[in-house]
Structures are given as structure tokens and as C-alpha cells.
Protein backbone atom coordinates (compact mmCIF):
# COMPACT_ATOMS: atom_id res chain seq x y z
CA UNK A 1 -5.21 -11.66 3.42
CA UNK A 2 -3.20 -14.35 5.88
CA UNK A 3 -5.24 -17.07 7.26
CA UNK A 4 -4.64 -15.65 11.23
CA UNK A 5 -5.52 -19.78 11.99
CA UNK A 6 -1.91 -20.25 10.33
CA UNK A 7 0.21 -17.44 10.94
CA UNK A 8 3.41 -16.53 9.06
CA UNK A 9 6.26 -16.74 11.01
CA UNK A 10 9.76 -14.94 10.89
CA UNK A 11 12.57 -14.34 12.30
CA UNK A 12 15.67 -12.51 13.11
CA UNK A 13 19.38 -13.02 13.26
CA UNK A 14 22.12 -10.98 13.40
CA UNK A 15 25.77 -12.11 11.46
CA UNK A 16 28.14 -13.99 14.04
CA UNK A 17 31.48 -12.37 14.91
CA UNK A 18 33.65 -15.79 14.92
CA UNK A 19 33.40 -18.95 13.98
CA UNK A 20 32.07 -20.29 17.65
CA UNK A 21 28.98 -17.83 17.00
CA UNK A 22 28.22 -19.03 13.59
CA UNK A 23 28.39 -22.80 14.85
CA UNK A 24 26.29 -21.10 17.25
CA UNK A 25 23.89 -19.46 15.04
CA UNK A 26 23.80 -22.61 12.82
CA UNK A 27 22.44 -24.69 15.11
CA UNK A 28 19.36 -22.44 16.27
CA UNK A 29 18.71 -21.52 13.22
CA UNK A 30 18.40 -25.57 12.57
CA UNK A 31 16.15 -25.88 15.21
CA UNK A 32 13.86 -22.88 14.69
CA UNK A 33 13.17 -24.92 10.98
CA UNK A 34 10.30 -26.32 12.82
CA UNK A 35 8.27 -23.13 12.81
CA UNK A 36 8.72 -23.14 8.97
CA UNK A 37 9.46 -19.80 8.88
CA UNK A 38 8.39 -17.75 5.67
CA UNK A 39 11.68 -16.30 5.58
CA UNK A 40 14.71 -14.69 8.23
CA UNK A 41 16.04 -11.50 8.20
CA UNK A 42 20.05 -10.89 8.88
CA UNK A 43 20.51 -7.72 10.55
CA UNK A 44 23.11 -4.86 9.16
CA UNK A 45 26.06 -3.10 10.90
CA UNK A 46 26.10 0.60 11.32
CA UNK A 47 28.03 2.19 8.07
CA UNK A 48 28.54 -1.08 6.55
CA UNK A 49 30.54 -2.59 9.27
CA UNK A 50 29.14 -5.98 9.04
CA UNK A 51 28.19 -5.62 5.32
CA UNK A 52 29.91 -8.92 4.21
CA UNK A 53 28.98 -10.54 7.28
CA UNK A 54 25.57 -10.30 6.58
CA UNK A 55 26.00 -11.46 3.04
CA UNK A 56 27.37 -14.31 3.91
CA UNK A 57 24.99 -14.88 6.79
CA UNK A 58 22.21 -14.37 4.10
CA UNK A 59 24.18 -16.98 2.42
CA UNK A 60 24.75 -19.77 5.48
CA UNK A 61 20.87 -19.28 6.02
CA UNK A 62 19.63 -19.58 2.56
CA UNK A 63 21.69 -23.18 2.39
CA UNK A 64 19.43 -24.50 4.92
CA UNK A 65 16.63 -23.89 2.69
CA UNK A 66 14.94 -21.34 4.08
CA UNK A 67 14.30 -17.13 2.16
CA UNK A 68 16.72 -14.83 3.71
CA UNK A 69 16.18 -11.24 3.51
CA UNK A 70 19.14 -9.39 4.06
CA UNK A 71 18.99 -5.57 5.77
CA UNK A 72 20.37 -3.14 3.94
CA UNK A 73 20.90 0.59 5.31
CA UNK A 74 21.58 4.06 3.32
CA UNK A 75 23.28 5.67 5.73
CA UNK A 76 26.89 6.31 5.06
CA UNK A 77 26.27 4.71 1.60
CA UNK A 78 26.20 6.19 -1.79
CA UNK A 79 24.41 5.17 -4.65
CA UNK A 80 27.24 3.15 -6.23
CA UNK A 81 27.35 1.48 -3.31
CA UNK A 82 23.68 0.74 -2.82
CA UNK A 83 23.56 -0.57 -6.35
CA UNK A 84 26.65 -2.47 -5.99
CA UNK A 85 24.87 -4.66 -3.44
CA UNK A 86 21.28 -4.86 -5.00
CA UNK A 87 22.88 -6.41 -7.75
CA UNK A 88 25.09 -8.78 -5.90
CA UNK A 89 22.23 -10.22 -3.94
CA UNK A 90 19.63 -9.95 -6.96
CA UNK A 91 22.78 -12.11 -8.83
CA UNK A 92 22.15 -14.73 -5.85
CA UNK A 93 18.68 -15.27 -6.23
CA UNK A 94 17.80 -12.81 -3.28
CA UNK A 95 14.10 -11.94 -3.46
CA UNK A 96 13.57 -9.81 -0.22
CA UNK A 97 15.17 -7.27 1.21
CA UNK A 98 13.93 -5.08 4.56
CA UNK A 99 15.11 -1.39 3.92
CA UNK A 100 16.43 0.35 7.18
CA UNK A 101 17.48 4.31 7.18
CA UNK A 102 20.07 2.55 9.51
CA UNK A 103 22.09 4.28 13.16
CA UNK A 104 24.49 6.79 12.60
CA UNK A 105 28.47 5.48 13.70
CA UNK A 106 30.58 7.38 16.05
CA UNK A 107 32.88 9.23 14.06
CA UNK A 108 30.92 9.53 11.23
CA UNK A 109 29.73 13.20 11.96
CA UNK A 110 27.81 14.82 9.32
CA UNK A 111 27.65 12.13 6.61
CA UNK A 112 24.86 10.54 6.36
CA UNK A 113 25.08 9.25 2.97
CA UNK A 114 23.47 10.14 -0.49
CA UNK A 115 20.00 8.92 0.63
CA UNK A 116 19.13 9.95 3.89
CA UNK A 117 15.97 8.34 5.03
CA UNK A 118 14.56 4.78 4.71
CA UNK A 119 11.93 6.12 2.08
CA UNK A 120 14.33 7.18 -0.55
CA UNK A 121 16.04 4.12 -0.38
CA UNK A 122 12.89 2.49 -0.87
CA UNK A 123 12.61 4.36 -4.02
CA UNK A 124 16.14 3.75 -4.96
CA UNK A 125 15.21 0.17 -4.87
CA UNK A 126 12.33 0.39 -7.14
CA UNK A 127 14.02 2.61 -9.17
CA UNK A 128 17.01 0.18 -9.74
CA UNK A 129 15.57 -2.94 -9.50
CA UNK A 130 11.51 -2.48 -10.40
CA UNK A 131 9.69 -5.24 -8.38
CA UNK A 132 12.37 -8.06 -8.12
CA UNK A 133 12.72 -7.32 -4.18
CA UNK A 134 10.19 -7.94 -1.94
CA UNK A 135 10.78 -4.55 0.28
CA UNK A 136 9.62 -4.94 4.19
CA UNK A 137 10.21 -1.63 6.00
CA UNK A 138 9.91 -0.75 9.76
CA UNK A 139 7.10 0.52 11.63
CA UNK A 140 6.87 2.02 15.05
CA UNK A 141 3.92 1.67 17.10
CA UNK A 142 5.07 3.69 20.20
CA UNK A 143 7.02 6.13 17.77
CA UNK A 144 10.43 6.15 16.73
CA UNK A 145 12.30 7.79 19.43
CA UNK A 146 13.97 10.53 16.81
CA UNK A 147 10.44 10.90 15.65
CA UNK A 148 9.07 14.88 16.70
CA UNK A 149 5.58 13.12 17.59
CA UNK A 150 3.39 10.01 16.61
CA UNK A 151 1.52 12.00 13.52
CA UNK A 152 4.69 12.84 11.68
CA UNK A 153 6.38 9.46 12.35
CA UNK A 154 3.20 7.60 11.27
CA UNK A 155 3.41 10.45 7.74
CA UNK A 156 7.44 8.82 7.90
CA UNK A 157 5.77 5.51 7.51
CA UNK A 158 3.29 5.88 5.17
CA UNK A 159 5.78 7.92 2.64
CA UNK A 160 7.86 4.39 3.05
CA UNK A 161 4.69 2.54 1.72
CA UNK A 162 3.71 5.03 -1.31
CA UNK A 163 7.57 4.77 -2.09
CA UNK A 164 7.11 0.96 -2.87
CA UNK A 165 7.17 -0.69 0.33
CA UNK A 166 5.46 -4.32 0.37
CA UNK A 167 5.12 -4.63 3.94
CA UNK A 168 6.29 -4.09 7.42
CA UNK A 169 7.63 -5.01 10.62
CA UNK A 170 7.51 -3.02 13.93
CA UNK A 171 9.78 -2.09 16.66
CA UNK A 172 9.20 -4.63 19.51
CA UNK A 173 6.45 -3.45 22.07
CA UNK A 174 4.81 -5.18 25.24
CA UNK A 175 1.57 -3.34 24.58
CA UNK A 176 -0.46 -4.64 22.09
CA UNK A 177 -3.16 -1.49 22.38
CA UNK A 178 0.03 -0.03 20.94
CA UNK A 179 -0.01 -2.02 17.95
CA UNK A 180 -3.51 -2.01 17.08
CA UNK A 181 -3.29 1.76 17.29
CA UNK A 182 -0.75 2.14 14.69
CA UNK A 183 -2.16 -0.60 12.01
CA UNK A 184 -5.64 1.41 12.55
CA UNK A 185 -4.20 5.06 12.55
CA UNK A 186 -2.40 3.94 9.47
CA UNK A 187 -5.28 1.86 7.27
CA UNK A 188 -7.04 5.55 7.79
CA UNK A 189 -4.01 7.07 6.00
CA UNK A 190 -4.52 4.36 3.39
CA UNK A 191 -1.93 1.88 4.00
CA UNK A 192 -2.88 -1.98 3.24
CA UNK A 193 0.37 -3.48 3.48
CA UNK A 194 0.96 -5.96 6.11
CA UNK A 195 2.28 -4.80 9.51
CA UNK A 196 3.82 -7.76 11.38
CA UNK A 197 4.50 -7.39 14.87
CA UNK A 198 8.24 -7.63 16.04
CA UNK A 199 8.60 -9.94 18.72
CA UNK A 200 10.77 -9.73 21.72
CA UNK A 201 11.58 -12.65 23.99
CA UNK A 202 12.26 -11.89 27.44
CA UNK A 203 15.09 -13.69 28.54
CA UNK A 204 17.68 -11.21 30.46
CA UNK A 205 16.66 -8.18 32.49
CA UNK A 206 19.82 -5.57 32.03
CA UNK A 207 19.64 -6.82 27.90
CA UNK A 208 16.36 -5.77 27.99
CA UNK A 209 15.88 -2.37 29.77
CA UNK A 210 19.71 -1.49 27.03
CA UNK A 211 17.98 -2.54 24.47
CA UNK A 212 14.57 -0.42 25.01
CA UNK A 213 16.39 2.50 25.81
CA UNK A 214 17.62 2.80 22.89
CA UNK A 215 14.86 2.01 20.78
CA UNK A 216 12.13 3.54 23.00
CA UNK A 217 10.23 0.50 23.40
CA UNK A 218 7.95 0.69 26.50
CA UNK A 219 8.51 -2.35 29.14
CA UNK A 220 5.75 -1.38 31.38
CA UNK A 221 5.96 -1.08 35.41
CA UNK A 222 5.15 -4.32 36.07
CA UNK A 223 6.99 -5.96 33.85
CA UNK A 224 9.68 -4.11 34.83
CA UNK A 225 8.88 -4.65 38.88
CA UNK A 226 8.59 -8.48 38.40
CA UNK A 227 12.35 -8.81 36.45
CA UNK A 228 13.86 -7.17 38.86
CA UNK A 229 12.27 -8.86 41.54
CA UNK A 230 13.60 -12.23 40.08
CA UNK A 231 17.14 -10.65 40.50
CA UNK A 232 19.67 -13.19 39.12
CA UNK A 233 17.39 -16.00 38.73
CA UNK A 234 17.47 -16.82 34.79
CA UNK A 235 14.90 -19.54 34.76
CA UNK A 236 12.50 -17.78 36.38
CA UNK A 237 13.45 -14.38 34.00
CA UNK A 238 13.04 -17.23 31.00
CA UNK A 239 9.86 -18.88 32.39
CA UNK A 240 8.20 -15.51 33.17
CA UNK A 241 9.30 -13.91 29.73
CA UNK A 242 8.07 -16.63 28.16
CA UNK A 243 4.31 -16.84 29.41
CA UNK A 244 4.39 -13.01 29.76
CA UNK A 245 5.58 -12.73 25.58
CA UNK A 246 3.38 -15.76 24.53
CA UNK A 247 0.20 -13.60 25.99
CA UNK A 248 1.35 -10.80 23.77
CA UNK A 249 1.40 -13.14 21.01
CA UNK A 250 -1.69 -14.67 21.35
CA UNK A 251 -3.31 -10.81 21.51
CA UNK A 252 -1.76 -10.07 18.43
CA UNK A 253 -3.11 -13.02 16.73
CA UNK A 254 -6.28 -13.08 17.76
CA UNK A 255 -6.77 -9.39 17.04
CA UNK A 256 -5.46 -10.18 13.35
CA UNK A 257 -2.29 -9.46 12.98
CA UNK A 258 -0.88 -11.22 10.11
CA UNK A 259 2.02 -13.12 11.43
CA UNK A 260 4.90 -12.87 14.19
CA UNK A 261 8.55 -11.58 13.75
CA UNK A 262 10.73 -12.58 16.27
CA UNK A 263 14.18 -11.25 16.98
CA UNK A 264 15.73 -14.30 17.98
CA UNK A 265 19.15 -12.65 19.13
CA UNK A 266 20.20 -15.95 17.36
CA UNK A 267 19.14 -17.79 20.34
CA UNK A 268 16.26 -20.55 19.40
CA UNK A 269 15.05 -21.43 23.09
CA UNK A 270 12.82 -18.74 24.05
CA UNK A 271 11.61 -18.28 20.57
CA UNK A 272 10.72 -21.98 20.36
CA UNK A 273 9.03 -22.26 23.54
CA UNK A 274 6.68 -19.21 22.82
CA UNK A 275 5.83 -21.12 19.10
CA UNK A 276 5.13 -23.98 21.12
CA UNK A 277 2.68 -22.75 23.10
CA UNK A 278 1.08 -20.93 20.74
CA UNK A 279 0.60 -23.69 18.29
CA UNK A 280 -0.16 -26.57 21.21
CA UNK A 281 -3.42 -24.47 22.30
């Protein structure tokens, strides 16, 4: 069991779209090496739109001396596609992946690929590669936005663990009780793998509202009202966001969370400020 006095931090990045963005990502990643992340993850575009970008970003980050886990989505992919991607990562020495169903890109119609669910992808990875990869999966403390109800959503998560997942990263949330309730319900169904809270820094009200609408994450009313009150005062939004998220992280770690996974949005400022708050006390 992870010692919560020295929690395991991890970071998420997305593939940069151009040279300037790549340089910004490199600068941010180098700054965040001070956190000593256990690993970093790299997102995967819908339908493979950034497949090469994911692989290239994984190589770039591994060159900094940190373990990197590519996201892998089964939406729109054939078994042969996935087999080739896994073989490529294995050949490069990658030992960890984040296995996701993925979002259906516009224009794809009903073609979801040969594997329909994340549990199928996890089982496929295990079948093809044995225990080579440490497999992370997603968890949704506030329920996946497409799930019918919390119970069926939890059952889907349990299926992924039983298919061979080693650990999980949650969707971000701002209510720690949602996380602890989810972990307790999962444990009651026999889940013993680590479930690491996903942490979204608050830096931009409009962006946060858009992300939360898409993924079903609830922004508590008091936070929404405070953010709205700040208007275009970016400095105040960032300062407030750091305080709010630091407090959330403390409650999670004090309650036994095995670590924290920061959704960095390729920027070091807010994650570093939160981390410094957590480690200075």
C-alpha cells in the first residue's frame, strides 16, 4: 500500500499541435520534473487523430527520464491496428498504458471498431501482451455521462478491473465525498486496485465550465458563483483555484487516496503551485 505521507504523483499531457506548442510542453514538463512524477500519461485523439502525436510525445517525455504511459483508445480501431500499436510501444520499452474506450469522433457513424468497450480493450491487451503492460483505466466518481445509473457505471468499472486492469485514474471532481463513496462501493464489490483521483487545476472559468459540461463533472455552486464574480480577473481566478484545489487534494490524501494525477493541460504553473502547497506543510 502506498505511504500517504509520500503520495505518488502523476501528470497528464496532450500531444502538441505545432513546434511552438511542443517547446511550451517541453518547458512545462521540465519544470514539473521537480514533482518526481511516478509516470506521465499522454492523451490519444478520437479515432486516432493524434495517434502519431501521442507516440512522439511519449518518446519526447521518456527522453527526459520519466516513465510515460500512452493513452490507447479502441474506438474506430481494428484488432490489427491495436496489435501493431502495442507491439510498437513494447519494442520501445514502454511498460504502462491507459486503456480507454474513447469518444466517437464526428462523422464515424456507427463504426465503433472491433472492440466496443474499455473492458474489451483491457482483455485484448492482456491476451496479446500478458503482463508486459501496467494497465490504467478510467473511473467516474460522479458517474460517466453516458451511464444509465451509478450502479451500472460501477459495474462497468468492476468489469475493467476483472479484465486485467492494474489501477485506475478518476475523472476530475471537486467533491471529495464522491471519490470516497466510489472507492468504498468498488471495494464492496471486491476491487482492490489503487484508484487515483484525477485533479483538474482551476485556471479558466469558461474552459472549466466547457470541460465539465462535456465530461459530467459537477462544479459546486459556491465555486461557480465565486468564479463568475471574478469576471475576467485571471490572477484572482488562478489564486482562488489553487486554494480550492489544494484543499481538495489535502482532503483526498488525508482520507487515504494513494496519490494524485494532475490534468496539467500542458502548463506547469497551477500544478506546481498546488504541489508546493501540499509539500510545504
